[in-house]
Amino acid sequence: MDAKDMGEDLEKVLVTEEEIRARLAELGARIDADYEGRDLLIVGVLKGAVMVMADLARALHNPVSMDWMAVSSYGAGTTSSGVVRILKDLETDIKDRDVLIVEDVIDSGLTLSWLVGNLKSRGPRSVEICTMVRKPLAFDVDLDVKYIGFDLPNEFIIGYGLDYAEKYRNLPFIGTLAPHVYEK
C-alpha cells in the first residue's frame, strides 16, 4: 500500500519512507555504540511497534534478543480508562538485562510511563525508550525518551505501524488521515 492507493483518504505525508530508513540507520548506529558488548533485549509494544521493531532490529549490527508486550489503557471507547492492563507479557526474564522499549508513537506518555515502572520493578540493569514518533505537545508526564525518530505535531497520524480502526499500519510512510475518514 502506498500514497496513491489511499486516494482522498490521505491528507499529507509527514515523513517519507526514505526519511524513516535514514533515521533508523542513525538510531541503530547510536544504539549499537551505546550497547556495545552488552546483552540488549529490545521489547516491542504491540501492535504498532511491529514495523519499527523489525526495521530497527535489521539496522543494528550488534546481536540483540527480541520480545513483545501488549498493554492497554483503553476501555471500549477512545479515551483512557486510567487502568493499564498487560494483554501479553514478556516471555524473557529481564533481571540484570539492558532493556530497550520500542514504540511507534508516544502521545500522552501515560501508558508508557506505567510500563517503564513495571519493567524497572523486575530488576533490569537498565530500561530505555526508543520511539519512531513523539508528540511533545501531547505529553502529560515527564518521560525520558533516549532515542527519538521524529517529533511531530499533535495530529491524527497513520502509517508505519500507526493505525486508524486497525487500517493503514502497512503504509511505508507516516502521514495524516483526512478528517472525512474519521469524522463519519
C-alpha atoms as a PDB file:
ATOM      1  CA  MET A   1       0.000   0.000   0.000  1.00  0.00           C
ATOM      2  CA  ASP A   2       1.286   3.469  -0.832  1.00  0.00           C
ATOM      3  CA  ALA A   3       0.043   7.055  -1.047  1.00  0.00           C
ATOM      4  CA  LYS A   4      -1.724   6.612  -4.390  1.00  0.00           C
ATOM      5  CA  ASP A   5      -3.671   3.623  -3.009  1.00  0.00           C
ATOM      6  CA  MET A   6      -5.227   5.901  -0.361  1.00  0.00           C
ATOM      7  CA  GLY A   7      -6.767   8.387  -2.761  1.00  0.00           C
ATOM      8  CA  GLU A   8      -8.503  11.203  -0.902  1.00  0.00           C
ATOM      9  CA  ASP A   9      -8.171   9.434   2.479  1.00  0.00           C
ATOM     10  CA  LEU A  10      -4.591  10.721   2.808  1.00  0.00           C
ATOM     11  CA  GLU A  11      -4.306  14.364   3.763  1.00  0.00           C
ATOM     12  CA  LYS A  12      -0.499  14.647   3.561  1.00  0.00           C
ATOM     13  CA  VAL A  13       2.739  12.717   4.010  1.00  0.00           C
ATOM     14  CA  LEU A  14       4.707  13.936   7.037  1.00  0.00           C
ATOM     15  CA  VAL A  15       7.670  11.531   6.950  1.00  0.00           C
ATOM     16  CA  THR A  16       8.665   9.634   3.819  1.00  0.00           C
ATOM     17  CA  GLU A  17       9.818   6.040   3.620  1.00  0.00           C
ATOM     18  CA  GLU A  18      13.318   7.261   2.762  1.00  0.00           C
ATOM     19  CA  GLU A  19      13.406   9.586   5.795  1.00  0.00           C
ATOM     20  CA  ILE A  20      12.297   6.719   8.058  1.00  0.00           C
ATOM     21  CA  ARG A  21      15.011   4.429   6.671  1.00  0.00           C
ATOM     22  CA  ALA A  22      17.702   7.077   7.113  1.00  0.00           C
ATOM     23  CA  ARG A  23      16.608   7.898  10.662  1.00  0.00           C
ATOM     24  CA  LEU A  24      16.531   4.208  11.642  1.00  0.00           C
ATOM     25  CA  ALA A  25      20.111   3.831  10.372  1.00  0.00           C
ATOM     26  CA  GLU A  26      21.139   6.782  12.576  1.00  0.00           C
ATOM     27  CA  LEU A  27      19.290   5.402  15.606  1.00  0.00           C
ATOM     28  CA  GLY A  28      20.729   1.945  15.001  1.00  0.00           C
ATOM     29  CA  ALA A  29      24.271   3.342  14.966  1.00  0.00           C
ATOM     30  CA  ARG A  30      23.666   5.201  18.242  1.00  0.00           C
ATOM     31  CA  ILE A  31      22.125   2.136  19.889  1.00  0.00           C
ATOM     32  CA  ASP A  32      24.977  -0.080  18.671  1.00  0.00           C
ATOM     33  CA  ALA A  33      27.524   2.347  20.169  1.00  0.00           C
ATOM     34  CA  ASP A  34      25.611   2.744  23.451  1.00  0.00           C
ATOM     35  CA  TYR A  35      25.162  -1.004  23.978  1.00  0.00           C
ATOM     36  CA  GLU A  36      28.440  -2.325  22.538  1.00  0.00           C
ATOM     37  CA  GLY A  37      29.371  -5.547  24.349  1.00  0.00           C
ATOM     38  CA  ARG A  38      26.169  -5.562  26.391  1.00  0.00           C
ATOM     39  CA  ASP A  39      23.273  -8.020  26.439  1.00  0.00           C
ATOM     40  CA  LEU A  40      20.485  -5.908  24.893  1.00  0.00           C
ATOM     41  CA  LEU A  41      16.851  -7.003  24.821  1.00  0.00           C
ATOM     42  CA  ILE A  42      14.596  -4.949  22.579  1.00  0.00           C
ATOM     43  CA  VAL A  43      10.938  -5.058  23.597  1.00  0.00           C
ATOM     44  CA  GLY A  44       8.314  -4.099  21.050  1.00  0.00           C
ATOM     45  CA  VAL A  45       4.966  -2.790  22.206  1.00  0.00           C
ATOM     46  CA  LEU A  46       2.235  -4.422  20.137  1.00  0.00           C
ATOM     47  CA  LYS A  47       0.683  -3.803  17.706  1.00  0.00           C
ATOM     48  CA  GLY A  48       2.023  -0.507  16.480  1.00  0.00           C
ATOM     49  CA  ALA A  49       5.721  -1.158  17.030  1.00  0.00           C
ATOM     50  CA  VAL A  50       5.893  -4.140  14.661  1.00  0.00           C
ATOM     51  CA  MET A  51       7.244  -2.122  11.724  1.00  0.00           C
ATOM     52  CA  VAL A  52       9.681  -0.069  13.806  1.00  0.00           C
ATOM     53  CA  MET A  53      10.893  -3.122  15.717  1.00  0.00           C
ATOM     54  CA  ALA A  54      11.579  -5.152  12.576  1.00  0.00           C
ATOM     55  CA  ASP A  55      13.381  -2.363  10.740  1.00  0.00           C
ATOM     56  CA  LEU A  56      15.309  -1.203  13.806  1.00  0.00           C
ATOM     57  CA  ALA A  57      16.493  -4.761  14.519  1.00  0.00           C
ATOM     58  CA  ARG A  58      17.765  -5.003  10.929  1.00  0.00           C
ATOM     59  CA  ALA A  59      19.573  -1.654  11.335  1.00  0.00           C
ATOM     60  CA  LEU A  60      21.505  -2.943  14.361  1.00  0.00           C
ATOM     61  CA  HIS A  61      24.874  -4.630  13.886  1.00  0.00           C
ATOM     62  CA  ASN A  62      25.259  -5.928  17.442  1.00  0.00           C
ATOM     63  CA  PRO A  63      23.386  -9.101  18.404  1.00  0.00           C
ATOM     64  CA  VAL A  64      20.139  -8.450  20.273  1.00  0.00           C
ATOM     65  CA  SER A  65      17.316 -10.507  21.694  1.00  0.00           C
ATOM     66  CA  MET A  66      13.699  -9.576  20.981  1.00  0.00           C
ATOM     67  CA  ASP A  67      10.455  -9.917  22.914  1.00  0.00           C
ATOM     68  CA  TRP A  68       6.991  -8.379  22.784  1.00  0.00           C
ATOM     69  CA  MET A  69       4.450  -6.890  25.165  1.00  0.00           C
ATOM     70  CA  ALA A  70       0.903  -5.727  24.654  1.00  0.00           C
ATOM     71  CA  VAL A  71      -0.622  -3.289  27.116  1.00  0.00           C
ATOM     72  CA  SER A  72      -3.874  -1.409  27.094  1.00  0.00           C
ATOM     73  CA  SER A  73      -5.193   1.580  28.957  1.00  0.00           C
ATOM     74  CA  TYR A  74      -8.335   1.914  26.920  1.00  0.00           C
ATOM     75  CA  GLY A  75     -11.774   0.591  27.638  1.00  0.00           C
ATOM     76  CA  ALA A  76     -14.380   0.188  24.944  1.00  0.00           C
ATOM     77  CA  GLY A  77     -14.089   3.806  23.804  1.00  0.00           C
ATOM     78  CA  THR A  78     -11.305   6.035  22.565  1.00  0.00           C
ATOM     79  CA  THR A  79     -10.367   7.591  25.891  1.00  0.00           C
ATOM     80  CA  SER A  80      -8.151   6.052  28.530  1.00  0.00           C
ATOM     81  CA  SER A  81      -9.821   4.117  31.310  1.00  0.00           C
ATOM     82  CA  GLY A  82      -6.936   5.051  33.598  1.00  0.00           C
ATOM     83  CA  VAL A  83      -6.230   1.381  34.272  1.00  0.00           C
ATOM     84  CA  VAL A  84      -3.346  -0.283  32.453  1.00  0.00           C
ATOM     85  CA  ARG A  85      -3.650  -3.975  31.679  1.00  0.00           C
ATOM     86  CA  ILE A  86      -0.987  -6.312  30.379  1.00  0.00           C
ATOM     87  CA  LEU A  87      -2.536  -8.242  27.499  1.00  0.00           C
ATOM     88  CA  LYS A  88       0.694 -10.067  26.566  1.00  0.00           C
ATOM     89  CA  ASP A  89       3.648 -10.178  28.919  1.00  0.00           C
ATOM     90  CA  LEU A  90       7.315 -10.797  28.215  1.00  0.00           C
ATOM     91  CA  GLU A  91       8.495 -14.359  27.853  1.00  0.00           C
ATOM     92  CA  THR A  92      12.043 -13.284  28.772  1.00  0.00           C
ATOM     93  CA  ASP A  93      13.389 -12.750  32.278  1.00  0.00           C
ATOM     94  CA  ILE A  94      14.821  -9.219  32.268  1.00  0.00           C
ATOM     95  CA  LYS A  95      16.666  -9.356  35.580  1.00  0.00           C
ATOM     96  CA  ASP A  96      20.143  -7.804  35.095  1.00  0.00           C
ATOM     97  CA  ARG A  97      19.431  -7.202  31.377  1.00  0.00           C
ATOM     98  CA  ASP A  98      19.565  -3.972  29.389  1.00  0.00           C
ATOM     99  CA  VAL A  99      16.053  -3.377  28.050  1.00  0.00           C
ATOM    100  CA  LEU A 100      15.127  -1.039  25.192  1.00  0.00           C
ATOM    101  CA  ILE A 101      11.394  -0.473  24.787  1.00  0.00           C
ATOM    102  CA  VAL A 102      10.494   0.147  21.135  1.00  0.00           C
ATOM    103  CA  GLU A 103       7.349   2.164  20.382  1.00  0.00           C
ATOM    104  CA  ASP A 104       5.672   3.502  17.268  1.00  0.00           C
ATOM    105  CA  VAL A 105       4.350   6.709  18.843  1.00  0.00           C
ATOM    106  CA  ILE A 106       4.275   8.406  22.211  1.00  0.00           C
ATOM    107  CA  ASP A 107       1.231  10.610  22.701  1.00  0.00           C
ATOM    108  CA  SER A 108       0.475  11.402  26.344  1.00  0.00           C
ATOM    109  CA  GLY A 109       3.141   9.034  27.662  1.00  0.00           C
ATOM    110  CA  LEU A 110       0.862   7.785  30.455  1.00  0.00           C
ATOM    111  CA  THR A 111       0.757   4.114  29.468  1.00  0.00           C
ATOM    112  CA  LEU A 112       4.452   4.057  28.590  1.00  0.00           C
ATOM    113  CA  SER A 113       5.337   5.666  31.924  1.00  0.00           C
ATOM    114  CA  TRP A 114       3.430   2.874  33.672  1.00  0.00           C
ATOM    115  CA  LEU A 115       5.200   0.265  31.516  1.00  0.00           C
ATOM    116  CA  VAL A 116       8.647   1.650  32.343  1.00  0.00           C
ATOM    117  CA  GLY A 117       7.809   1.463  36.052  1.00  0.00           C
ATOM    118  CA  ASN A 118       6.539  -2.079  35.688  1.00  0.00           C
ATOM    119  CA  LEU A 119       9.665  -3.242  33.858  1.00  0.00           C
ATOM    120  CA  LYS A 120      12.017  -1.463  36.294  1.00  0.00           C
ATOM    121  CA  SER A 121      10.352  -3.376  39.144  1.00  0.00           C
ATOM    122  CA  ARG A 122      11.636  -6.611  37.537  1.00  0.00           C
ATOM    123  CA  GLY A 123      15.297  -5.817  38.226  1.00  0.00           C
ATOM    124  CA  PRO A 124      16.803  -4.995  34.826  1.00  0.00           C
ATOM    125  CA  ARG A 125      20.226  -3.337  34.557  1.00  0.00           C
ATOM    126  CA  SER A 126      18.624  -0.509  32.551  1.00  0.00           C
ATOM    127  CA  VAL A 127      15.386   0.449  30.807  1.00  0.00           C
ATOM    128  CA  GLU A 128      15.408   2.972  27.956  1.00  0.00           C
ATOM    129  CA  ILE A 129      12.893   4.007  25.291  1.00  0.00           C
ATOM    130  CA  CYS A 130      13.118   4.257  21.512  1.00  0.00           C
ATOM    131  CA  THR A 131      10.160   5.662  19.592  1.00  0.00           C
ATOM    132  CA  MET A 132       9.645   6.400  15.938  1.00  0.00           C
ATOM    133  CA  VAL A 133       7.339   9.355  16.721  1.00  0.00           C
ATOM    134  CA  ARG A 134       6.997  11.599  19.735  1.00  0.00           C
ATOM    135  CA  LYS A 135       4.269  14.199  20.033  1.00  0.00           C
ATOM    136  CA  PRO A 136       5.789  16.579  22.595  1.00  0.00           C
ATOM    137  CA  LEU A 137       2.716  18.809  22.706  1.00  0.00           C
ATOM    138  CA  ALA A 138       0.585  15.851  23.840  1.00  0.00           C
ATOM    139  CA  PHE A 139       2.816  14.768  26.757  1.00  0.00           C
ATOM    140  CA  ASP A 140       1.055  14.546  30.123  1.00  0.00           C
ATOM    141  CA  VAL A 141       4.008  13.099  32.077  1.00  0.00           C
ATOM    142  CA  ASP A 142       7.748  13.645  32.398  1.00  0.00           C
ATOM    143  CA  LEU A 143       9.150  10.759  30.394  1.00  0.00           C
ATOM    144  CA  ASP A 144      12.795  10.357  29.405  1.00  0.00           C
ATOM    145  CA  VAL A 145      12.942   9.119  25.813  1.00  0.00           C
ATOM    146  CA  LYS A 146      16.523   8.334  24.796  1.00  0.00           C
ATOM    147  CA  TYR A 147      16.027   7.598  21.089  1.00  0.00           C
ATOM    148  CA  ILE A 148      13.513   9.596  19.028  1.00  0.00           C
ATOM    149  CA  GLY A 149      12.863   9.190  15.341  1.00  0.00           C
ATOM    150  CA  PHE A 150      10.762  12.283  14.735  1.00  0.00           C
ATOM    151  CA  ASP A 151       8.949  14.914  16.783  1.00  0.00           C
ATOM    152  CA  LEU A 152       5.608  15.559  15.105  1.00  0.00           C
ATOM    153  CA  PRO A 153       2.674  17.853  15.847  1.00  0.00           C
ATOM    154  CA  ASN A 154      -0.329  16.542  17.745  1.00  0.00           C
ATOM    155  CA  GLU A 155      -2.236  15.433  14.636  1.00  0.00           C
ATOM    156  CA  PHE A 156      -4.019  12.182  13.772  1.00  0.00           C
ATOM    157  CA  ILE A 157      -1.220  10.229  12.097  1.00  0.00           C
ATOM    158  CA  ILE A 158      -1.219   6.894  10.321  1.00  0.00           C
ATOM    159  CA  GLY A 159       1.241   4.605   8.609  1.00  0.00           C
ATOM    160  CA  TYR A 160       4.375   2.721   9.538  1.00  0.00           C
ATOM    161  CA  GLY A 161       2.568   0.817  12.284  1.00  0.00           C
ATOM    162  CA  LEU A 162       0.156   3.598  13.226  1.00  0.00           C
ATOM    163  CA  ASP A 163      -3.462   2.812  12.541  1.00  0.00           C
ATOM    164  CA  TYR A 164      -6.989   4.054  12.372  1.00  0.00           C
ATOM    165  CA  ALA A 165      -9.511   1.276  13.098  1.00  0.00           C
ATOM    166  CA  GLU A 166      -6.724  -1.306  12.519  1.00  0.00           C
ATOM    167  CA  LYS A 167      -6.103   0.007   8.983  1.00  0.00           C
ATOM    168  CA  TYR A 168      -3.163   1.846   7.388  1.00  0.00           C
ATOM    169  CA  ARG A 169      -0.419   0.216   9.525  1.00  0.00           C
ATOM    170  CA  ASN A 170       1.187  -1.136   6.354  1.00  0.00           C
ATOM    171  CA  LEU A 171       1.877   2.257   4.793  1.00  0.00           C
ATOM    172  CA  PRO A 172       5.644   2.702   4.352  1.00  0.00           C
ATOM    173  CA  PHE A 173       5.445   6.381   5.393  1.00  0.00           C
ATOM    174  CA  ILE A 174       3.803   8.441   8.146  1.00  0.00           C
ATOM    175  CA  GLY A 175       1.007  10.765   7.149  1.00  0.00           C
ATOM    176  CA  THR A 176      -2.180  12.397   8.300  1.00  0.00           C
ATOM    177  CA  LEU A 177      -5.550  10.883   7.665  1.00  0.00           C
ATOM    178  CA  ALA A 178      -8.124  13.117   6.005  1.00  0.00           C
ATOM    179  CA  PRO A 179     -10.784  14.161   8.542  1.00  0.00           C
ATOM    180  CA  HIS A 180     -13.655  12.865   6.374  1.00  0.00           C
ATOM    181  CA  VAL A 181     -12.436   9.308   7.168  1.00  0.00           C
ATOM    182  CA  TYR A 182     -12.732   9.542  10.966  1.00  0.00           C
ATOM    183  CA  GLU A 183     -15.429  12.212  11.352  1.00  0.00           C
ATOM    184  CA  LYS A 184     -18.152   9.980   9.909  1.00  0.00           C
END
